[in-house]
Amino acid sequence: MENNTSQEKERVYSFDELPVVINVRELAAVLGISKSAAYTLTHIKDFPVIRFGKRIVIPRDRLKAWLDAHVGSECVFDLGLYYPE
């Protein structure tokens, strides 16, 4: 019998499986990036975030629209800055 890692348990196959809003940890798991990279994404000017004090949430539908709008773009992270190429 295979052991499931916590990352495998968090794997999402459809946006419909996500809650209406997700946090940064869930964003990292969905995109397959580090939590640090996910936090960097939340500081991009057009990235869809809602801040409640220190809490950051990302609306599922806005995330999907943002990803759709950036298909074909390449993102380069450098010291927390975002450069679309």
C-alpha atoms as a PDB file:
ATOM      1  CA  MET A   1       0.000   0.000   0.000  1.00  0.00           C
ATOM      2  CA  GLU A   2       1.346   3.456  -0.935  1.00  0.00           C
ATOM      3  CA  ASN A   3       1.920   6.152   1.654  1.00  0.00           C
ATOM      4  CA  ASN A   4       0.184   9.416   0.810  1.00  0.00           C
ATOM      5  CA  THR A   5       2.214  12.511   1.532  1.00  0.00           C
ATOM      6  CA  SER A   6       0.514  15.688   2.693  1.00  0.00           C
ATOM      7  CA  GLN A   7       1.276  17.229  -0.716  1.00  0.00           C
ATOM      8  CA  GLU A   8      -0.603  14.416  -2.470  1.00  0.00           C
ATOM      9  CA  LYS A   9      -3.575  14.902  -0.139  1.00  0.00           C
ATOM     10  CA  GLU A  10      -3.680  18.595  -1.090  1.00  0.00           C
ATOM     11  CA  ARG A  11      -3.552  17.933  -4.832  1.00  0.00           C
ATOM     12  CA  VAL A  12      -6.421  19.591  -6.657  1.00  0.00           C
ATOM     13  CA  TYR A  13      -7.555  18.452 -10.077  1.00  0.00           C
ATOM     14  CA  SER A  14     -10.250  21.046 -10.734  1.00  0.00           C
ATOM     15  CA  PHE A  15     -10.919  24.622  -9.674  1.00  0.00           C
ATOM     16  CA  ASP A  16     -14.409  23.432  -8.725  1.00  0.00           C
ATOM     17  CA  GLU A  17     -12.803  21.422  -5.901  1.00  0.00           C
ATOM     18  CA  LEU A  18     -11.387  24.588  -4.315  1.00  0.00           C
ATOM     19  CA  PRO A  19     -13.199  26.632  -1.690  1.00  0.00           C
ATOM     20  CA  VAL A  20     -14.519  30.052  -2.750  1.00  0.00           C
ATOM     21  CA  VAL A  21     -11.340  31.651  -1.362  1.00  0.00           C
ATOM     22  CA  ILE A  22      -7.962  30.041  -0.720  1.00  0.00           C
ATOM     23  CA  ASN A  23      -5.021  31.059   1.442  1.00  0.00           C
ATOM     24  CA  VAL A  24      -1.370  31.372   0.414  1.00  0.00           C
ATOM     25  CA  ARG A  25      -0.494  27.810   1.509  1.00  0.00           C
ATOM     26  CA  GLU A  26      -3.310  26.450  -0.651  1.00  0.00           C
ATOM     27  CA  LEU A  27      -2.262  28.708  -3.547  1.00  0.00           C
ATOM     28  CA  ALA A  28       1.250  27.237  -3.371  1.00  0.00           C
ATOM     29  CA  ALA A  29      -0.144  23.689  -3.372  1.00  0.00           C
ATOM     30  CA  VAL A  30      -2.504  24.372  -6.291  1.00  0.00           C
ATOM     31  CA  LEU A  31       0.207  25.956  -8.440  1.00  0.00           C
ATOM     32  CA  GLY A  32       2.941  23.550  -7.367  1.00  0.00           C
ATOM     33  CA  ILE A  33       5.213  26.365  -6.180  1.00  0.00           C
ATOM     34  CA  SER A  34       6.837  27.187  -2.855  1.00  0.00           C
ATOM     35  CA  LYS A  35       4.994  29.154  -0.213  1.00  0.00           C
ATOM     36  CA  SER A  36       7.583  31.905  -0.644  1.00  0.00           C
ATOM     37  CA  ALA A  37       6.849  32.121  -4.386  1.00  0.00           C
ATOM     38  CA  ALA A  38       3.119  32.198  -3.619  1.00  0.00           C
ATOM     39  CA  TYR A  39       3.647  35.159  -1.269  1.00  0.00           C
ATOM     40  CA  THR A  40       5.629  36.884  -4.032  1.00  0.00           C
ATOM     41  CA  LEU A  41       2.679  36.385  -6.393  1.00  0.00           C
ATOM     42  CA  THR A  42       0.373  38.114  -3.897  1.00  0.00           C
ATOM     43  CA  HIS A  43       2.459  41.270  -4.232  1.00  0.00           C
ATOM     44  CA  ILE A  44       2.065  41.520  -8.012  1.00  0.00           C
ATOM     45  CA  LYS A  45      -0.008  44.576  -8.848  1.00  0.00           C
ATOM     46  CA  ASP A  46      -2.747  42.778 -10.812  1.00  0.00           C
ATOM     47  CA  PHE A  47      -2.823  39.555  -8.765  1.00  0.00           C
ATOM     48  CA  PRO A  48      -6.288  39.010  -7.207  1.00  0.00           C
ATOM     49  CA  VAL A  49      -5.848  39.178  -3.441  1.00  0.00           C
ATOM     50  CA  ILE A  50      -7.989  40.331  -0.554  1.00  0.00           C
ATOM     51  CA  ARG A  51      -6.168  41.383   2.600  1.00  0.00           C
ATOM     52  CA  PHE A  52      -7.794  41.294   6.019  1.00  0.00           C
ATOM     53  CA  GLY A  53      -5.024  42.714   8.174  1.00  0.00           C
ATOM     54  CA  LYS A  54      -2.275  40.086   7.880  1.00  0.00           C
ATOM     55  CA  ARG A  55      -4.593  37.462   6.399  1.00  0.00           C
ATOM     56  CA  ILE A  56      -4.368  37.056   2.635  1.00  0.00           C
ATOM     57  CA  VAL A  57      -7.023  35.220   0.634  1.00  0.00           C
ATOM     58  CA  ILE A  58      -7.379  34.685  -3.084  1.00  0.00           C
ATOM     59  CA  PRO A  59     -10.845  34.339  -4.653  1.00  0.00           C
ATOM     60  CA  ARG A  60     -10.972  31.095  -6.647  1.00  0.00           C
ATOM     61  CA  ASP A  61     -12.779  32.579  -9.667  1.00  0.00           C
ATOM     62  CA  ARG A  62     -10.484  35.605  -9.852  1.00  0.00           C
ATOM     63  CA  LEU A  63      -7.426  33.327  -9.618  1.00  0.00           C
ATOM     64  CA  LYS A  64      -8.718  31.265 -12.549  1.00  0.00           C
ATOM     65  CA  ALA A  65      -9.342  34.430 -14.588  1.00  0.00           C
ATOM     66  CA  TRP A  66      -5.850  35.748 -13.731  1.00  0.00           C
ATOM     67  CA  LEU A  67      -4.250  32.464 -14.784  1.00  0.00           C
ATOM     68  CA  ASP A  68      -6.275  32.392 -18.019  1.00  0.00           C
ATOM     69  CA  ALA A  69      -5.152  35.957 -18.801  1.00  0.00           C
ATOM     70  CA  HIS A  70      -1.506  34.989 -18.282  1.00  0.00           C
ATOM     71  CA  VAL A  71      -1.415  31.777 -20.313  1.00  0.00           C
ATOM     72  CA  GLY A  72       1.614  31.931 -22.560  1.00  0.00           C
ATOM     73  CA  SER A  73       3.357  34.511 -20.368  1.00  0.00           C
ATOM     74  CA  GLU A  74       6.537  33.603 -18.623  1.00  0.00           C
ATOM     75  CA  CYS A  75       7.062  34.919 -15.113  1.00  0.00           C
ATOM     76  CA  VAL A  76      10.499  35.579 -13.710  1.00  0.00           C
ATOM     77  CA  PHE A  77      10.895  36.278 -10.004  1.00  0.00           C
ATOM     78  CA  ASP A  78      13.886  38.285  -8.931  1.00  0.00           C
ATOM     79  CA  LEU A  79      14.144  39.520  -5.335  1.00  0.00           C
ATOM     80  CA  GLY A  80      10.375  39.696  -5.068  1.00  0.00           C
ATOM     81  CA  LEU A  81       9.903  41.615  -8.323  1.00  0.00           C
ATOM     82  CA  TYR A  82       7.762  40.358 -11.157  1.00  0.00           C
ATOM     83  CA  TYR A  83       8.764  40.732 -14.772  1.00  0.00           C
ATOM     84  CA  PRO A  84       6.352  39.377 -17.382  1.00  0.00           C
ATOM     85  CA  GLU A  85       8.260  38.303 -20.469  1.00  0.00           C
END
